[in-house]
Amino acid sequence: MAKDTSARIQLLQGTLDMLILRTLLSGPAHGHQIAKHIQRTTEDLLQVEHGSLYPALHRLEQKGWLVAKWEPAAQDLKREYKYYRITAAGKKQFLSEESKWKQLTGAIARIMWPVEES
């Protein structure tokens, strides 16, 4: 199902970091797998371009929230992919960001859909 390019949502840097960390809670993945997971999970609404994804992965790795290792591809042992894994510090960061995200979305929801007082 193709979406209109103008309707795609641009991800803010912090939001992309949170989505990457959340994706890696399920286990190690290489960049393409991470991008595809985000795209599939959001029914193609969010599409992470390589120009945004790889700088984010490197930034998270520098912060110690991810570790990366080159490993052979499962089907083609002649090809290697850089697999990213979330660290304990990354899990802690994700939980902190998730808490902030819940507060933010709750506050926005209260403005957008106020509860009528009786």
N, C-alpha and C. Protein backbone atom coordinates (compact mmCIF):
# COMPACT_ATOMS: atom_id res chain seq x y z
N MET A 1 0.85 -1.16 0.00
CA MET A 1 0.00 0.00 0.00
C MET A 1 0.90 1.23 0.00
N ALA A 2 0.91 1.95 -1.07
CA ALA A 2 1.77 3.14 -1.20
C ALA A 2 1.14 4.32 -0.50
N LYS A 3 1.97 5.08 0.16
CA LYS A 3 1.52 6.29 0.84
C LYS A 3 2.05 7.49 0.07
N ASP A 4 1.31 8.57 0.08
CA ASP A 4 1.75 9.81 -0.55
C ASP A 4 2.99 10.31 0.19
N THR A 5 4.02 10.63 -0.57
CA THR A 5 5.27 11.09 0.03
C THR A 5 5.07 12.30 0.92
N SER A 6 4.20 13.22 0.52
CA SER A 6 3.99 14.43 1.33
C SER A 6 3.29 14.12 2.64
N ALA A 7 2.65 12.97 2.76
CA ALA A 7 1.94 12.61 3.98
C ALA A 7 2.83 11.89 4.98
N ARG A 8 4.04 11.52 4.59
CA ARG A 8 4.94 10.82 5.50
C ARG A 8 5.37 11.75 6.62
N ILE A 9 5.53 11.18 7.77
CA ILE A 9 5.91 11.95 8.94
C ILE A 9 7.43 11.95 9.07
N GLN A 10 8.00 13.12 9.25
CA GLN A 10 9.43 13.23 9.51
C GLN A 10 9.67 12.96 10.99
N LEU A 11 10.61 12.09 11.29
CA LEU A 11 10.89 11.74 12.67
C LEU A 11 11.88 12.71 13.30
N LEU A 12 11.60 13.12 14.49
CA LEU A 12 12.56 13.91 15.25
C LEU A 12 13.67 12.99 15.73
N GLN A 13 14.85 13.54 15.90
CA GLN A 13 16.01 12.75 16.28
C GLN A 13 15.76 11.91 17.53
N GLY A 14 15.25 12.48 18.59
CA GLY A 14 15.02 11.75 19.83
C GLY A 14 13.99 10.65 19.66
N THR A 15 13.00 10.90 18.84
CA THR A 15 11.98 9.88 18.59
C THR A 15 12.58 8.71 17.82
N LEU A 16 13.41 9.00 16.83
CA LEU A 16 14.07 7.93 16.08
C LEU A 16 14.95 7.11 17.00
N ASP A 17 15.69 7.76 17.88
CA ASP A 17 16.53 7.03 18.83
C ASP A 17 15.69 6.09 19.67
N MET A 18 14.56 6.57 20.16
CA MET A 18 13.68 5.75 20.99
C MET A 18 13.14 4.55 20.20
N LEU A 19 12.76 4.77 18.94
CA LEU A 19 12.24 3.69 18.12
C LEU A 19 13.31 2.64 17.81
N ILE A 20 14.53 3.09 17.60
CA ILE A 20 15.64 2.14 17.38
C ILE A 20 15.87 1.31 18.63
N LEU A 21 15.95 1.97 19.78
CA LEU A 21 16.16 1.24 21.03
C LEU A 21 15.04 0.24 21.27
N ARG A 22 13.80 0.66 21.02
CA ARG A 22 12.65 -0.24 21.21
C ARG A 22 12.74 -1.45 20.29
N THR A 23 13.11 -1.21 19.05
CA THR A 23 13.24 -2.30 18.08
C THR A 23 14.27 -3.31 18.54
N LEU A 24 15.38 -2.83 19.09
CA LEU A 24 16.46 -3.73 19.49
C LEU A 24 16.21 -4.44 20.81
N LEU A 25 15.15 -4.06 21.52
CA LEU A 25 14.78 -4.83 22.72
C LEU A 25 14.42 -6.26 22.35
N SER A 26 13.97 -6.46 21.12
CA SER A 26 13.57 -7.79 20.66
C SER A 26 14.76 -8.65 20.26
N GLY A 27 15.93 -8.05 20.14
CA GLY A 27 17.12 -8.80 19.76
C GLY A 27 17.95 -8.04 18.75
N PRO A 28 19.15 -8.55 18.46
CA PRO A 28 20.06 -7.86 17.55
C PRO A 28 19.50 -7.77 16.14
N ALA A 29 19.90 -6.72 15.44
CA ALA A 29 19.45 -6.53 14.05
C ALA A 29 20.44 -5.63 13.34
N HIS A 30 20.50 -5.76 12.02
CA HIS A 30 21.32 -4.83 11.25
C HIS A 30 20.43 -3.68 10.80
N GLY A 31 21.04 -2.63 10.27
CA GLY A 31 20.33 -1.40 9.95
C GLY A 31 19.10 -1.59 9.09
N HIS A 32 19.24 -2.38 8.02
CA HIS A 32 18.10 -2.58 7.12
C HIS A 32 16.94 -3.25 7.85
N GLN A 33 17.25 -4.21 8.72
CA GLN A 33 16.20 -4.89 9.49
C GLN A 33 15.50 -3.90 10.42
N ILE A 34 16.25 -3.02 11.03
CA ILE A 34 15.67 -2.02 11.94
C ILE A 34 14.71 -1.12 11.17
N ALA A 35 15.17 -0.61 10.03
CA ALA A 35 14.33 0.28 9.22
C ALA A 35 13.07 -0.43 8.75
N LYS A 36 13.20 -1.66 8.30
CA LYS A 36 12.04 -2.43 7.82
C LYS A 36 11.06 -2.73 8.96
N HIS A 37 11.58 -3.02 10.14
CA HIS A 37 10.70 -3.29 11.28
C HIS A 37 9.86 -2.06 11.61
N ILE A 38 10.49 -0.89 11.64
CA ILE A 38 9.75 0.34 11.93
C ILE A 38 8.71 0.58 10.84
N GLN A 39 9.08 0.38 9.60
CA GLN A 39 8.16 0.59 8.48
C GLN A 39 6.98 -0.39 8.54
N ARG A 40 7.25 -1.67 8.75
CA ARG A 40 6.18 -2.67 8.81
C ARG A 40 5.26 -2.45 10.00
N THR A 41 5.86 -2.18 11.15
CA THR A 41 5.08 -2.02 12.37
C THR A 41 4.13 -0.82 12.29
N THR A 42 4.54 0.21 11.57
CA THR A 42 3.71 1.41 11.44
C THR A 42 2.88 1.41 10.15
N GLU A 43 2.78 0.25 9.53
CA GLU A 43 2.01 0.10 8.29
C GLU A 43 2.45 1.13 7.25
N ASP A 44 3.76 1.28 7.08
CA ASP A 44 4.39 2.15 6.09
C ASP A 44 4.25 3.64 6.38
N LEU A 45 3.70 4.02 7.52
CA LEU A 45 3.58 5.44 7.82
C LEU A 45 4.94 6.06 8.12
N LEU A 46 5.76 5.35 8.90
CA LEU A 46 7.09 5.83 9.21
C LEU A 46 8.10 5.07 8.37
N GLN A 47 8.87 5.80 7.60
CA GLN A 47 9.92 5.20 6.78
C GLN A 47 11.23 5.91 7.11
N VAL A 48 12.16 5.16 7.63
CA VAL A 48 13.43 5.72 8.06
C VAL A 48 14.44 5.60 6.92
N GLU A 49 14.90 6.74 6.45
CA GLU A 49 15.88 6.77 5.37
C GLU A 49 17.27 6.46 5.93
N HIS A 50 18.12 5.87 5.08
CA HIS A 50 19.47 5.51 5.51
C HIS A 50 20.24 6.73 6.00
N GLY A 51 19.98 7.88 5.40
CA GLY A 51 20.66 9.11 5.79
C GLY A 51 20.33 9.57 7.20
N SER A 52 19.24 9.08 7.74
CA SER A 52 18.87 9.36 9.13
C SER A 52 19.23 8.20 10.05
N LEU A 53 19.03 6.98 9.54
CA LEU A 53 19.21 5.79 10.37
C LEU A 53 20.66 5.58 10.79
N TYR A 54 21.58 5.59 9.85
CA TYR A 54 22.96 5.24 10.19
C TYR A 54 23.64 6.28 11.08
N PRO A 55 23.42 7.57 10.87
CA PRO A 55 23.96 8.53 11.85
C PRO A 55 23.37 8.31 13.25
N ALA A 56 22.09 7.95 13.33
CA ALA A 56 21.46 7.68 14.62
C ALA A 56 22.10 6.45 15.27
N LEU A 57 22.31 5.39 14.50
CA LEU A 57 22.94 4.19 15.04
C LEU A 57 24.34 4.49 15.55
N HIS A 58 25.10 5.26 14.81
CA HIS A 58 26.46 5.61 15.24
C HIS A 58 26.42 6.48 16.50
N ARG A 59 25.47 7.41 16.57
CA ARG A 59 25.32 8.27 17.74
C ARG A 59 24.98 7.43 18.98
N LEU A 60 24.07 6.48 18.84
CA LEU A 60 23.67 5.63 19.96
C LEU A 60 24.82 4.73 20.39
N GLU A 61 25.60 4.29 19.43
CA GLU A 61 26.78 3.47 19.73
C GLU A 61 27.80 4.30 20.51
N GLN A 62 28.02 5.55 20.10
CA GLN A 62 28.97 6.42 20.80
C GLN A 62 28.53 6.72 22.23
N LYS A 63 27.24 6.78 22.44
CA LYS A 63 26.71 7.03 23.79
C LYS A 63 26.76 5.80 24.67
N GLY A 64 27.08 4.65 24.08
CA GLY A 64 27.15 3.42 24.85
C GLY A 64 25.81 2.71 25.00
N TRP A 65 24.82 3.15 24.24
CA TRP A 65 23.49 2.54 24.32
C TRP A 65 23.35 1.35 23.40
N LEU A 66 24.26 1.25 22.43
CA LEU A 66 24.29 0.11 21.50
C LEU A 66 25.73 -0.36 21.38
N VAL A 67 25.88 -1.64 21.05
CA VAL A 67 27.16 -2.17 20.62
C VAL A 67 26.93 -2.79 19.25
N ALA A 68 27.97 -2.80 18.45
CA ALA A 68 27.83 -3.33 17.09
C ALA A 68 28.97 -4.29 16.79
N LYS A 69 28.65 -5.27 15.94
CA LYS A 69 29.65 -6.26 15.57
C LYS A 69 29.35 -6.73 14.15
N TRP A 70 30.40 -6.82 13.34
CA TRP A 70 30.24 -7.35 11.99
C TRP A 70 30.12 -8.86 12.09
N GLU A 71 29.07 -9.42 11.46
CA GLU A 71 28.82 -10.86 11.49
C GLU A 71 28.39 -11.33 10.11
N PRO A 72 28.67 -12.59 9.78
CA PRO A 72 28.22 -13.12 8.48
C PRO A 72 26.70 -13.10 8.40
N ALA A 73 26.20 -12.87 7.19
CA ALA A 73 24.75 -12.93 6.96
C ALA A 73 24.29 -14.37 7.10
N ALA A 74 23.10 -14.56 7.57
CA ALA A 74 22.59 -15.91 7.81
C ALA A 74 22.56 -16.76 6.54
N GLN A 75 22.07 -16.21 5.43
CA GLN A 75 21.94 -16.99 4.20
C GLN A 75 23.22 -17.00 3.37
N ASP A 76 24.01 -15.96 3.46
CA ASP A 76 25.18 -15.81 2.61
C ASP A 76 26.40 -15.55 3.49
N LEU A 77 27.14 -16.61 3.80
CA LEU A 77 28.27 -16.47 4.72
C LEU A 77 29.41 -15.63 4.15
N LYS A 78 29.36 -15.30 2.85
CA LYS A 78 30.39 -14.46 2.25
C LYS A 78 30.12 -12.98 2.49
N ARG A 79 28.92 -12.66 2.91
CA ARG A 79 28.52 -11.27 3.13
C ARG A 79 28.40 -11.01 4.62
N GLU A 80 28.81 -9.83 5.06
CA GLU A 80 28.71 -9.48 6.47
C GLU A 80 27.79 -8.28 6.66
N TYR A 81 27.11 -8.27 7.80
CA TYR A 81 26.27 -7.15 8.20
C TYR A 81 26.74 -6.68 9.57
N LYS A 82 26.54 -5.41 9.83
CA LYS A 82 26.85 -4.87 11.15
C LYS A 82 25.59 -5.00 12.00
N TYR A 83 25.63 -5.91 12.97
CA TYR A 83 24.49 -6.15 13.84
C TYR A 83 24.61 -5.29 15.09
N TYR A 84 23.50 -4.66 15.45
CA TYR A 84 23.45 -3.79 16.61
C TYR A 84 22.69 -4.49 17.73
N ARG A 85 23.21 -4.32 18.94
CA ARG A 85 22.56 -4.87 20.13
C ARG A 85 22.42 -3.76 21.16
N ILE A 86 21.33 -3.77 21.89
CA ILE A 86 21.11 -2.77 22.93
C ILE A 86 21.91 -3.18 24.17
N THR A 87 22.50 -2.20 24.85
CA THR A 87 23.25 -2.45 26.08
C THR A 87 22.34 -2.23 27.29
N ALA A 88 22.85 -2.55 28.48
CA ALA A 88 22.10 -2.29 29.71
C ALA A 88 21.82 -0.79 29.83
N ALA A 89 22.81 0.04 29.49
CA ALA A 89 22.62 1.49 29.53
C ALA A 89 21.56 1.91 28.51
N GLY A 90 21.53 1.25 27.35
CA GLY A 90 20.52 1.54 26.34
C GLY A 90 19.12 1.19 26.81
N LYS A 91 18.99 0.07 27.52
CA LYS A 91 17.68 -0.33 28.06
C LYS A 91 17.21 0.69 29.10
N LYS A 92 18.14 1.14 29.93
CA LYS A 92 17.80 2.15 30.94
C LYS A 92 17.36 3.45 30.27
N GLN A 93 18.09 3.85 29.23
CA GLN A 93 17.74 5.05 28.48
C GLN A 93 16.37 4.91 27.83
N PHE A 94 16.11 3.74 27.24
CA PHE A 94 14.82 3.51 26.61
C PHE A 94 13.69 3.67 27.63
N LEU A 95 13.83 3.07 28.79
CA LEU A 95 12.78 3.17 29.81
C LEU A 95 12.54 4.62 30.23
N SER A 96 13.61 5.39 30.32
CA SER A 96 13.48 6.81 30.65
C SER A 96 12.74 7.56 29.54
N GLU A 97 13.13 7.32 28.31
CA GLU A 97 12.49 7.99 27.16
C GLU A 97 11.03 7.54 27.02
N GLU A 98 10.77 6.27 27.26
CA GLU A 98 9.39 5.77 27.17
C GLU A 98 8.50 6.47 28.19
N SER A 99 9.01 6.67 29.39
CA SER A 99 8.25 7.36 30.43
C SER A 99 7.94 8.80 30.02
N LYS A 100 8.94 9.49 29.48
CA LYS A 100 8.73 10.87 29.01
C LYS A 100 7.73 10.89 27.86
N TRP A 101 7.83 9.91 26.96
CA TRP A 101 6.93 9.84 25.80
C TRP A 101 5.48 9.66 26.27
N LYS A 102 5.27 8.79 27.25
CA LYS A 102 3.92 8.56 27.77
C LYS A 102 3.36 9.84 28.39
N GLN A 103 4.20 10.58 29.12
CA GLN A 103 3.75 11.84 29.72
C GLN A 103 3.38 12.85 28.64
N LEU A 104 4.23 12.97 27.62
CA LEU A 104 4.00 13.91 26.54
C LEU A 104 2.73 13.57 25.77
N THR A 105 2.58 12.31 25.38
CA THR A 105 1.39 11.94 24.60
C THR A 105 0.13 12.06 25.45
N GLY A 106 0.23 11.78 26.73
CA GLY A 106 -0.93 11.96 27.61
C GLY A 106 -1.34 13.41 27.71
N ALA A 107 -0.36 14.31 27.83
CA ALA A 107 -0.65 15.75 27.92
C ALA A 107 -1.29 16.25 26.62
N ILE A 108 -0.74 15.81 25.49
CA ILE A 108 -1.31 16.21 24.20
C ILE A 108 -2.73 15.67 24.05
N ALA A 109 -2.95 14.44 24.46
CA ALA A 109 -4.28 13.84 24.36
C ALA A 109 -5.30 14.61 25.19
N ARG A 110 -4.88 15.08 26.37
CA ARG A 110 -5.80 15.85 27.22
C ARG A 110 -6.21 17.17 26.56
N ILE A 111 -5.32 17.73 25.77
CA ILE A 111 -5.66 18.96 25.06
C ILE A 111 -6.54 18.65 23.84
N MET A 112 -6.16 17.63 23.11
CA MET A 112 -6.87 17.29 21.87
C MET A 112 -8.27 16.74 22.14
N TRP A 113 -8.41 15.92 23.16
CA TRP A 113 -9.69 15.27 23.44
C TRP A 113 -10.03 15.45 24.92
N PRO A 114 -10.40 16.69 25.30
CA PRO A 114 -10.67 16.95 26.73
C PRO A 114 -11.88 16.17 27.21
N VAL A 115 -11.78 15.79 28.46
CA VAL A 115 -12.88 15.09 29.12
C VAL A 115 -13.87 16.15 29.58
N GLU A 116 -15.11 16.00 29.17
CA GLU A 116 -16.12 16.98 29.58
C GLU A 116 -16.50 16.73 31.03
N GLU A 117 -16.47 17.81 31.79
CA GLU A 117 -16.86 17.71 33.20
C GLU A 117 -18.38 17.80 33.31
N SER A 118 -18.92 17.01 34.23
CA SER A 118 -20.38 17.04 34.40
C SER A 118 -20.81 17.86 35.57
